[in-house]
Amino acid sequence: MREVNRQELENIKGGFSVWMGVGIAALVVFFSGVLEGITNPDKCGG
């Protein structure tokens, strides 16, 4: 086993990034809002 230097470490592709997690969370929240709107319609205003 050998130790990789900083440049080699930055060139590694793949894995799970923070932005991927944020994107997945945003999609889950969006689709849960859509599903709630379909199943529980409520008029805006009064």
C-alpha atoms as a PDB file:
ATOM      1  CA  MET A   1       0.000   0.000   0.000  1.00  0.00           C
ATOM      2  CA  ARG A   2       1.324   3.456  -0.832  1.00  0.00           C
ATOM      3  CA  GLU A   3       0.416   6.953   0.261  1.00  0.00           C
ATOM      4  CA  VAL A   4      -1.133   9.213  -2.388  1.00  0.00           C
ATOM      5  CA  ASN A   5      -0.136  12.832  -2.651  1.00  0.00           C
ATOM      6  CA  ARG A   6      -2.511  15.799  -2.728  1.00  0.00           C
ATOM      7  CA  GLN A   7      -2.645  16.035  -6.539  1.00  0.00           C
ATOM      8  CA  GLU A   8      -3.514  12.364  -6.943  1.00  0.00           C
ATOM      9  CA  LEU A   9      -6.139  12.680  -4.213  1.00  0.00           C
ATOM     10  CA  GLU A  10      -7.829  15.605  -5.995  1.00  0.00           C
ATOM     11  CA  ASN A  11      -7.942  13.631  -9.275  1.00  0.00           C
ATOM     12  CA  ILE A  12      -9.977  10.768  -7.812  1.00  0.00           C
ATOM     13  CA  LYS A  13     -13.432  10.717  -9.386  1.00  0.00           C
ATOM     14  CA  GLY A  14     -16.603   9.162  -8.024  1.00  0.00           C
ATOM     15  CA  GLY A  15     -18.164   8.793  -4.623  1.00  0.00           C
ATOM     16  CA  PHE A  16     -20.867  10.845  -2.973  1.00  0.00           C
ATOM     17  CA  SER A  17     -20.535  14.634  -3.022  1.00  0.00           C
ATOM     18  CA  VAL A  18     -22.279  17.169  -0.820  1.00  0.00           C
ATOM     19  CA  TRP A  19     -24.060  18.677  -3.828  1.00  0.00           C
ATOM     20  CA  MET A  20     -25.453  15.282  -4.771  1.00  0.00           C
ATOM     21  CA  GLY A  21     -26.915  14.965  -1.281  1.00  0.00           C
ATOM     22  CA  VAL A  22     -28.429  18.446  -1.478  1.00  0.00           C
ATOM     23  CA  GLY A  23     -29.952  17.662  -4.876  1.00  0.00           C
ATOM     24  CA  ILE A  24     -31.483  14.402  -3.685  1.00  0.00           C
ATOM     25  CA  ALA A  25     -32.913  16.110  -0.589  1.00  0.00           C
ATOM     26  CA  ALA A  26     -34.386  18.895  -2.737  1.00  0.00           C
ATOM     27  CA  LEU A  27     -36.060  16.370  -5.041  1.00  0.00           C
ATOM     28  CA  VAL A  28     -37.538  14.466  -2.097  1.00  0.00           C
ATOM     29  CA  VAL A  29     -38.942  17.674  -0.583  1.00  0.00           C
ATOM     30  CA  PHE A  30     -40.335  18.805  -3.942  1.00  0.00           C
ATOM     31  CA  PHE A  31     -42.077  15.524  -4.714  1.00  0.00           C
ATOM     32  CA  SER A  32     -43.461  15.221  -1.197  1.00  0.00           C
ATOM     33  CA  GLY A  33     -44.969  18.713  -1.636  1.00  0.00           C
ATOM     34  CA  VAL A  34     -46.487  17.729  -4.957  1.00  0.00           C
ATOM     35  CA  LEU A  35     -47.920  14.550  -3.446  1.00  0.00           C
ATOM     36  CA  GLU A  36     -49.349  16.488  -0.509  1.00  0.00           C
ATOM     37  CA  GLY A  37     -50.918  19.004  -2.887  1.00  0.00           C
ATOM     38  CA  ILE A  38     -52.583  16.240  -4.858  1.00  0.00           C
ATOM     39  CA  THR A  39     -53.876  14.332  -1.831  1.00  0.00           C
ATOM     40  CA  ASN A  40     -54.835  17.344   0.305  1.00  0.00           C
ATOM     41  CA  PRO A  41     -55.886  20.241  -1.961  1.00  0.00           C
ATOM     42  CA  ASP A  42     -56.444  23.500  -0.075  1.00  0.00           C
ATOM     43  CA  LYS A  43     -57.545  26.773  -1.591  1.00  0.00           C
ATOM     44  CA  CYS A  44     -55.179  29.712  -1.376  1.00  0.00           C
ATOM     45  CA  GLY A  45     -56.386  32.865   0.348  1.00  0.00           C
ATOM     46  CA  GLY A  46     -59.628  32.680   2.192  1.00  0.00           C
END
